[in-house]
C-alpha atoms as a PDB file:
ATOM      1  CA  MET A   1     -19.363  -7.652  -4.061  1.00  0.00           C
ATOM      2  CA  GLU A   2     -19.884  -5.584  -7.290  1.00  0.00           C
ATOM      3  CA  ASN A   3     -16.951  -4.448  -9.167  1.00  0.00           C
ATOM      4  CA  THR A   4     -18.129  -0.756  -8.984  1.00  0.00           C
ATOM      5  CA  LEU A   5     -18.040  -1.029  -5.303  1.00  0.00           C
ATOM      6  CA  LEU A   6     -14.718  -2.681  -5.169  1.00  0.00           C
ATOM      7  CA  ASP A   7     -13.286   0.034  -7.311  1.00  0.00           C
ATOM      8  CA  LEU A   8     -14.751   2.515  -5.285  1.00  0.00           C
ATOM      9  CA  LEU A   9     -13.202   1.072  -2.081  1.00  0.00           C
ATOM     10  CA  LYS A  10      -9.905   0.779  -3.556  1.00  0.00           C
ATOM     11  CA  SER A  11     -10.230   4.496  -4.605  1.00  0.00           C
ATOM     12  CA  VAL A  12     -10.777   5.969  -1.071  1.00  0.00           C
ATOM     13  CA  ASP A  13      -8.781   5.706   2.122  1.00  0.00           C
ATOM     14  CA  THR A  14      -9.911   3.843   5.371  1.00  0.00           C
ATOM     15  CA  PRO A  15     -11.035   6.901   7.237  1.00  0.00           C
ATOM     16  CA  THR A  16     -13.375   7.748   4.484  1.00  0.00           C
ATOM     17  CA  VAL A  17     -14.871   4.198   4.723  1.00  0.00           C
ATOM     18  CA  CYS A  18     -15.189   4.388   8.379  1.00  0.00           C
ATOM     19  CA  ASN A  19     -17.253   7.736   8.122  1.00  0.00           C
ATOM     20  CA  ALA A  20     -19.227   6.223   5.359  1.00  0.00           C
ATOM     21  CA  ILE A  21     -20.133   3.232   7.504  1.00  0.00           C
ATOM     22  CA  GLU A  22     -21.578   5.606  10.026  1.00  0.00           C
ATOM     23  CA  VAL A  23     -23.479   7.504   7.272  1.00  0.00           C
ATOM     24  CA  ALA A  24     -25.037   3.991   6.054  1.00  0.00           C
ATOM     25  CA  GLN A  25     -25.922   3.038   9.715  1.00  0.00           C
ATOM     26  CA  GLY A  26     -27.170   6.666  10.267  1.00  0.00           C
ATOM     27  CA  LYS A  27     -25.480   7.202  13.590  1.00  0.00           C
ATOM     28  CA  ARG A  28     -22.013   7.618  15.221  1.00  0.00           C
ATOM     29  CA  GLY A  29     -20.250   4.636  17.128  1.00  0.00           C
ATOM     30  CA  PHE A  30     -19.001   2.206  14.474  1.00  0.00           C
ATOM     31  CA  ALA A  31     -16.077   0.623  16.493  1.00  0.00           C
ATOM     32  CA  ASN A  32     -14.745  -2.425  14.764  1.00  0.00           C
ATOM     33  CA  PHE A  33     -11.401  -0.756  13.573  1.00  0.00           C
ATOM     34  CA  THR A  34      -7.734  -0.992  14.671  1.00  0.00           C
ATOM     35  CA  ARG A  35      -6.430   1.081  17.681  1.00  0.00           C
ATOM     36  CA  GLY A  36      -2.803   2.633  17.747  1.00  0.00           C
ATOM     37  CA  THR A  37      -0.492   3.442  14.982  1.00  0.00           C
ATOM     38  CA  MET A  38       0.225   0.644  12.357  1.00  0.00           C
ATOM     39  CA  LEU A  39       3.069   0.860   9.700  1.00  0.00           C
ATOM     40  CA  CYS A  40       2.318   0.211   5.935  1.00  0.00           C
ATOM     41  CA  SER A  41       5.069  -1.213   3.525  1.00  0.00           C
ATOM     42  CA  ALA A  42       3.482   0.765   0.845  1.00  0.00           C
ATOM     43  CA  PRO A  43       1.778   3.886   2.125  1.00  0.00           C
ATOM     44  CA  GLU A  44       1.091   5.302  -1.339  1.00  0.00           C
ATOM     45  CA  ALA A  45      -0.117   2.233  -2.900  1.00  0.00           C
ATOM     46  CA  GLY A  46      -3.901   2.744  -2.028  1.00  0.00           C
ATOM     47  CA  ALA A  47      -6.252   0.847   0.133  1.00  0.00           C
ATOM     48  CA  ILE A  48      -6.137  -3.147   0.705  1.00  0.00           C
ATOM     49  CA  VAL A  49      -9.678  -4.471   0.119  1.00  0.00           C
ATOM     50  CA  GLY A  50     -10.905  -8.140   0.507  1.00  0.00           C
ATOM     51  CA  TYR A  51     -12.271 -10.996   2.368  1.00  0.00           C
ATOM     52  CA  ALA A  52     -10.329 -12.120   5.333  1.00  0.00           C
ATOM     53  CA  ARG A  53      -8.233 -15.253   5.389  1.00  0.00           C
ATOM     54  CA  THR A  54      -7.439 -15.751   8.966  1.00  0.00           C
ATOM     55  CA  ALA A  55      -4.757 -17.473  10.842  1.00  0.00           C
ATOM     56  CA  LYS A  56      -2.553 -17.255  14.010  1.00  0.00           C
ATOM     57  CA  ILE A  57       1.221 -17.437  14.204  1.00  0.00           C
ATOM     58  CA  ALA A  58       3.844 -17.303  17.152  1.00  0.00           C
ATOM     59  CA  ALA A  59       7.801 -16.854  16.838  1.00  0.00           C
ATOM     60  CA  VAL A  60       9.319 -16.102  20.460  1.00  0.00           C
ATOM     61  CA  ASN A  61       9.466 -19.791  21.392  1.00  0.00           C
ATOM     62  CA  PRO A  62      10.240 -22.910  19.365  1.00  0.00           C
ATOM     63  CA  PRO A  63       7.088 -25.009  18.785  1.00  0.00           C
ATOM     64  CA  SER A  64       6.309 -27.624  21.366  1.00  0.00           C
ATOM     65  CA  GLU A  65       4.531 -29.968  18.886  1.00  0.00           C
ATOM     66  CA  PRO A  66       5.983 -32.492  16.899  1.00  0.00           C
ATOM     67  CA  PRO A  67       7.602 -31.283  13.375  1.00  0.00           C
ATOM     68  CA  GLU A  68       5.144 -33.408  11.288  1.00  0.00           C
ATOM     69  CA  VAL A  69       2.283 -31.551  13.010  1.00  0.00           C
ATOM     70  CA  ILE A  70       3.823 -28.029  12.553  1.00  0.00           C
ATOM     71  CA  ARG A  71       4.516 -28.788   8.945  1.00  0.00           C
ATOM     72  CA  GLU A  72       0.900 -30.296   8.261  1.00  0.00           C
ATOM     73  CA  ARG A  73      -0.471 -27.092   9.821  1.00  0.00           C
ATOM     74  CA  ARG A  74       1.596 -24.962   7.781  1.00  0.00           C
ATOM     75  CA  MET A  75       0.410 -26.549   4.538  1.00  0.00           C
ATOM     76  CA  ALA A  76      -3.098 -26.272   5.835  1.00  0.00           C
ATOM     77  CA  TYR A  77      -2.461 -22.579   6.195  1.00  0.00           C
ATOM     78  CA  TYR A  78      -1.182 -22.115   2.739  1.00  0.00           C
ATOM     79  CA  LYS A  79      -4.061 -24.181   1.253  1.00  0.00           C
ATOM     80  CA  HIS A  80      -6.314 -21.790   3.296  1.00  0.00           C
ATOM     81  CA  MET A  81      -4.784 -18.686   1.896  1.00  0.00           C
ATOM     82  CA  SER A  82      -4.930 -20.116  -1.655  1.00  0.00           C
ATOM     83  CA  GLU A  83      -8.661 -20.669  -1.417  1.00  0.00           C
ATOM     84  CA  GLY A  84     -11.795 -18.775  -0.820  1.00  0.00           C
ATOM     85  CA  PRO A  85     -13.496 -15.540  -2.170  1.00  0.00           C
ATOM     86  CA  ARG A  86     -11.505 -13.055  -3.994  1.00  0.00           C
ATOM     87  CA  PRO A  87     -10.387 -10.291  -3.325  1.00  0.00           C
ATOM     88  CA  GLY A  88      -8.895 -11.674  -0.368  1.00  0.00           C
ATOM     89  CA  VAL A  89      -6.613 -10.269   2.435  1.00  0.00           C
ATOM     90  CA  ALA A  90      -4.425 -12.515   4.812  1.00  0.00           C
ATOM     91  CA  VAL A  91      -5.143 -11.324   8.269  1.00  0.00           C
ATOM     92  CA  VAL A  92      -2.637 -12.814  10.810  1.00  0.00           C
ATOM     93  CA  GLU A  93      -2.615 -12.489  14.424  1.00  0.00           C
ATOM     94  CA  ASP A  94       0.889 -12.870  16.133  1.00  0.00           C
ATOM     95  CA  LEU A  95       0.231 -14.400  19.446  1.00  0.00           C
ATOM     96  CA  ASP A  96       3.509 -12.938  20.827  1.00  0.00           C
ATOM     97  CA  TYR A  97       2.062  -9.344  20.633  1.00  0.00           C
ATOM     98  CA  PRO A  98       2.989  -6.916  22.010  1.00  0.00           C
ATOM     99  CA  ASP A  99       6.529  -8.720  21.984  1.00  0.00           C
ATOM    100  CA  CYS A 100       6.663  -9.979  18.547  1.00  0.00           C
ATOM    101  CA  ILE A 101       9.970 -10.876  16.833  1.00  0.00           C
ATOM    102  CA  GLY A 102       9.055 -13.035  14.059  1.00  0.00           C
ATOM    103  CA  ALA A 103       9.072 -11.153  10.643  1.00  0.00           C
ATOM    104  CA  TYR A 104       6.454 -13.516   9.084  1.00  0.00           C
ATOM    105  CA  TRP A 105       5.947 -11.132   6.136  1.00  0.00           C
ATOM    106  CA  GLY A 106       9.134 -10.926   4.067  1.00  0.00           C
ATOM    107  CA  GLU A 107      10.061 -11.203   0.531  1.00  0.00           C
ATOM    108  CA  ILE A 108       9.237 -14.822  -0.043  1.00  0.00           C
ATOM    109  CA  ASN A 109       5.992 -15.025   1.989  1.00  0.00           C
ATOM    110  CA  THR A 110       4.390 -11.879   0.606  1.00  0.00           C
ATOM    111  CA  THR A 111       5.262 -13.130  -3.107  1.00  0.00           C
ATOM    112  CA  VAL A 112       3.609 -16.565  -2.368  1.00  0.00           C
ATOM    113  CA  HIS A 113       0.593 -14.893  -0.956  1.00  0.00           C
ATOM    114  CA  LYS A 114       0.482 -12.517  -3.975  1.00  0.00           C
ATOM    115  CA  GLY A 115       0.765 -15.300  -6.269  1.00  0.00           C
ATOM    116  CA  PHE A 116      -2.228 -16.904  -4.582  1.00  0.00           C
ATOM    117  CA  GLY A 117      -4.229 -13.834  -5.701  1.00  0.00           C
ATOM    118  CA  LEU A 118      -4.505 -12.045  -2.318  1.00  0.00           C
ATOM    119  CA  SER A 119      -4.528  -8.223  -2.205  1.00  0.00           C
ATOM    120  CA  GLY A 120      -2.317  -7.691   0.678  1.00  0.00           C
ATOM    121  CA  ALA A 121      -1.812  -8.588   4.391  1.00  0.00           C
ATOM    122  CA  LEU A 122      -2.729  -7.301   7.794  1.00  0.00           C
ATOM    123  CA  THR A 123      -1.184  -8.272  11.081  1.00  0.00           C
ATOM    124  CA  ASN A 124      -0.244  -7.239  14.524  1.00  0.00           C
ATOM    125  CA  GLY A 125       3.060  -8.772  13.968  1.00  0.00           C
ATOM    126  CA  VAL A 126       6.272  -8.062  12.047  1.00  0.00           C
ATOM    127  CA  MET A 127       7.402  -7.417   8.458  1.00  0.00           C
ATOM    128  CA  ARG A 128      10.897  -7.136   6.857  1.00  0.00           C
ATOM    129  CA  ASP A 129      12.624  -7.139   3.605  1.00  0.00           C
ATOM    130  CA  LEU A 130      11.324  -3.579   2.945  1.00  0.00           C
ATOM    131  CA  GLY A 131      12.131  -2.589  -0.538  1.00  0.00           C
ATOM    132  CA  ASP A 132      12.064  -6.180  -1.942  1.00  0.00           C
ATOM    133  CA  LEU A 133       8.358  -6.731  -1.178  1.00  0.00           C
ATOM    134  CA  PRO A 134       6.328  -7.282  -4.273  1.00  0.00           C
ATOM    135  CA  GLN A 135       4.523  -4.501  -5.979  1.00  0.00           C
ATOM    136  CA  GLY A 136       0.716  -4.716  -5.435  1.00  0.00           C
ATOM    137  CA  PHE A 137       0.895  -6.430  -2.134  1.00  0.00           C
ATOM    138  CA  PRO A 138       0.865  -3.971   0.752  1.00  0.00           C
ATOM    139  CA  VAL A 139       1.424  -5.171   4.228  1.00  0.00           C
ATOM    140  CA  VAL A 140       0.038  -3.179   7.198  1.00  0.00           C
ATOM    141  CA  ALA A 141       1.962  -4.528  10.268  1.00  0.00           C
ATOM    142  CA  GLY A 142       2.430  -3.778  13.887  1.00  0.00           C
ATOM    143  CA  SER A 143       6.151  -3.341  13.575  1.00  0.00           C
ATOM    144  CA  ILE A 144       9.490  -3.761  11.414  1.00  0.00           C
ATOM    145  CA  GLY A 145      12.116  -6.301  12.412  1.00  0.00           C
ATOM    146  CA  PRO A 146      15.067  -8.306  10.811  1.00  0.00           C
ATOM    147  CA  SER A 147      14.542 -11.947  12.035  1.00  0.00           C
ATOM    148  CA  HIS A 148      11.990 -14.701  11.477  1.00  0.00           C
ATOM    149  CA  GLY A 149      12.670 -16.171  15.127  1.00  0.00           C
ATOM    150  CA  PHE A 150      10.841 -19.380  15.477  1.00  0.00           C
ATOM    151  CA  VAL A 151       7.876 -18.402  13.400  1.00  0.00           C
ATOM    152  CA  HIS A 152       5.341 -21.140  12.981  1.00  0.00           C
ATOM    153  CA  VAL A 153       1.434 -21.288  12.385  1.00  0.00           C
ATOM    154  CA  CYS A 154      -0.704 -22.150  15.481  1.00  0.00           C
ATOM    155  CA  GLU A 155      -4.316 -21.896  13.994  1.00  0.00           C
ATOM    156  CA  VAL A 156      -5.924 -21.610  10.601  1.00  0.00           C
ATOM    157  CA  GLY A 157      -9.316 -20.086   9.785  1.00  0.00           C
ATOM    158  CA  THR A 158     -10.266 -19.025  13.367  1.00  0.00           C
ATOM    159  CA  PRO A 159     -11.292 -15.665  14.791  1.00  0.00           C
ATOM    160  CA  VAL A 160      -8.413 -13.262  15.154  1.00  0.00           C
ATOM    161  CA  SER A 161      -7.524  -9.885  16.929  1.00  0.00           C
ATOM    162  CA  VAL A 162      -5.395  -7.167  15.376  1.00  0.00           C
ATOM    163  CA  PHE A 163      -4.794  -3.986  17.129  1.00  0.00           C
ATOM    164  CA  GLY A 164      -8.098  -4.429  19.069  1.00  0.00           C
ATOM    165  CA  MET A 165      -9.990  -5.273  15.985  1.00  0.00           C
ATOM    166  CA  ALA A 166     -11.912  -8.534  15.947  1.00  0.00           C
ATOM    167  CA  VAL A 167     -11.931 -10.388  12.427  1.00  0.00           C
ATOM    168  CA  ASN A 168     -13.655 -13.580  11.533  1.00  0.00           C
ATOM    169  CA  ASP A 169     -12.543 -15.619   8.508  1.00  0.00           C
ATOM    170  CA  GLY A 170     -14.476 -14.183   5.710  1.00  0.00           C
ATOM    171  CA  GLU A 171     -15.275 -10.761   6.740  1.00  0.00           C
ATOM    172  CA  LEU A 172     -14.762  -7.718   4.384  1.00  0.00           C
ATOM    173  CA  ILE A 173     -11.624  -5.785   5.092  1.00  0.00           C
ATOM    174  CA  HIS A 174     -10.375  -2.367   4.374  1.00  0.00           C
ATOM    175  CA  ALA A 175      -6.923  -1.218   5.478  1.00  0.00           C
ATOM    176  CA  ASP A 176      -4.441   1.302   4.288  1.00  0.00           C
ATOM    177  CA  ARG A 177      -1.699   3.435   6.203  1.00  0.00           C
ATOM    178  CA  HIS A 178      -4.237   4.562   8.755  1.00  0.00           C
ATOM    179  CA  GLY A 179      -5.045   0.977   9.894  1.00  0.00           C
ATOM    180  CA  ALA A 180      -7.861  -1.197   9.001  1.00  0.00           C
ATOM    181  CA  LEU A 181     -11.665  -1.947   9.740  1.00  0.00           C
ATOM    182  CA  VAL A 182     -14.311  -4.497   9.251  1.00  0.00           C
ATOM    183  CA  ILE A 183     -17.083  -3.555   7.046  1.00  0.00           C
ATOM    184  CA  PRO A 184     -20.366  -4.857   8.457  1.00  0.00           C
ATOM    185  CA  ALA A 185     -22.023  -7.370   5.892  1.00  0.00           C
ATOM    186  CA  ASP A 186     -25.407  -5.622   6.364  1.00  0.00           C
ATOM    187  CA  ILE A 187     -24.357  -2.313   5.267  1.00  0.00           C
ATOM    188  CA  VAL A 188     -22.523  -3.646   2.049  1.00  0.00           C
ATOM    189  CA  PRO A 189     -25.619  -3.047  -0.206  1.00  0.00           C
ATOM    190  CA  MET A 190     -25.598   0.785   1.055  1.00  0.00           C
ATOM    191  CA  LEU A 191     -22.048   1.374   1.089  1.00  0.00           C
ATOM    192  CA  GLU A 192     -21.478   2.435  -2.321  1.00  0.00           C
ATOM    193  CA  ARG A 193     -24.116   5.361  -1.938  1.00  0.00           C
ATOM    194  CA  ALA A 194     -23.028   6.326   1.475  1.00  0.00           C
ATOM    195  CA  ILE A 195     -19.437   6.711   0.186  1.00  0.00           C
ATOM    196  CA  ARG A 196     -20.587   8.831  -2.626  1.00  0.00           C
ATOM    197  CA  LYS A 197     -22.728  11.105  -0.241  1.00  0.00           C
ATOM    198  CA  LEU A 198     -19.885  11.554   2.114  1.00  0.00           C
ATOM    199  CA  LEU A 199     -17.557  12.675  -0.670  1.00  0.00           C
ATOM    200  CA  GLU A 200     -20.275  15.235  -1.955  1.00  0.00           C
ATOM    201  CA  THR A 201     -21.147  16.476   1.466  1.00  0.00           C
ATOM    202  CA  GLU A 202     -17.545  17.114   2.361  1.00  0.00           C
ATOM    203  CA  LYS A 203     -17.047  19.376  -0.768  1.00  0.00           C
ATOM    204  CA  LEU A 204     -19.510  21.854   0.802  1.00  0.00           C
ATOM    205  CA  VAL A 205     -16.818  22.679   3.250  1.00  0.00           C
ATOM    206  CA  LEU A 206     -13.759  21.762   1.426  1.00  0.00           C
ATOM    207  CA  GLU A 207     -14.246  23.744  -1.611  1.00  0.00           C
ATOM    208  CA  PRO A 208     -15.053  27.173   0.074  1.00  0.00           C
ATOM    209  CA  ALA A 209     -12.212  26.449   2.547  1.00  0.00           C
ATOM    210  CA  ARG A 210      -9.761  26.190  -0.380  1.00  0.00           C
ATOM    211  CA  ARG A 211     -10.707  29.406  -2.032  1.00  0.00           C
ATOM    212  CA  ASP A 212      -8.990  32.688  -1.699  1.00  0.00           C
ATOM    213  CA  GLY A 213     -10.867  35.248   0.663  1.00  0.00           C
ATOM    214  CA  PHE A 214     -12.316  32.313   2.996  1.00  0.00           C
ATOM    215  CA  ASP A 215     -13.329  33.692   6.358  1.00  0.00           C
ATOM    216  CA  PHE A 216     -15.387  32.977   9.279  1.00  0.00           C
ATOM    217  CA  ALA A 217     -18.608  34.203   7.451  1.00  0.00           C
ATOM    218  CA  SER A 218     -17.853  31.985   4.552  1.00  0.00           C
ATOM    219  CA  PHE A 219     -17.173  29.160   6.870  1.00  0.00           C
ATOM    220  CA  GLU A 220     -20.545  29.723   8.852  1.00  0.00           C
ATOM    221  CA  LYS A 221     -22.428  29.576   5.545  1.00  0.00           C
ATOM    222  CA  ALA A 222     -20.582  26.504   4.279  1.00  0.00           C
ATOM    223  CA  TRP A 223     -20.771  24.743   7.748  1.00  0.00           C
ATOM    224  CA  ALA A 224     -24.785  25.310   7.631  1.00  0.00           C
ATOM    225  CA  ALA A 225     -24.984  23.701   4.269  1.00  0.00           C
ATOM    226  CA  PHE A 226     -22.804  20.853   5.397  1.00  0.00           C
ATOM    227  CA  GLU A 227     -24.948  20.035   8.537  1.00  0.00           C
ATOM    228  CA  LYS A 228     -28.081  20.311   6.432  1.00  0.00           C
ATOM    229  CA  ALA A 229     -26.738  17.792   3.884  1.00  0.00           C
ATOM    230  CA  ARG A 230     -26.037  15.444   6.533  1.00  0.00           C
ATOM    231  CA  THR A 231     -29.238  15.183   8.222  1.00  0.00           C
END
């Protein structure tokens, strides 16, 4: 991913990228985004952009496997998170959903992942230690809670699902306080142009609507220009 596209993606919100994907595809119907309301640890921090480093965890029940197996997988998890293309995003599915209790994303774990060079985390699970999480590492999570429960890693690098969004390891993620989406690989070369076109097209309505004296006649004229620009 070129730096100009990366900088642009960081500067716009996830709804804008969702719309721009449809501009690039030339149709409505893009659907690989999260459903429902998610929570963001730093809603004013801007977008999380990066290639997914996936895993699955659970925390309601103690692990049934031997401790050495759990430890080995935990270390494999951290090794996986420390590697791969950058920018990267930790995308972790909590298998206990919708009854998640294990706040995997607290002060220590977020600081470790930030140290690995990751840009943030996306999970259907739990976060905690709000106010103590490191700056520059937003977490978009399913809930907030106080305990880590019996949290343990179940899978590393496998396909995951977060709030209805399917994610494969290595796919490009865009996330913010609105939720998240997977950017299709085939539209990445067209995405910068699509975002810029979308932003320019939206101005055709937004600028007149913000002026004094805006009325239906002004709207009708602006909307006609807007529709013409979209076709």
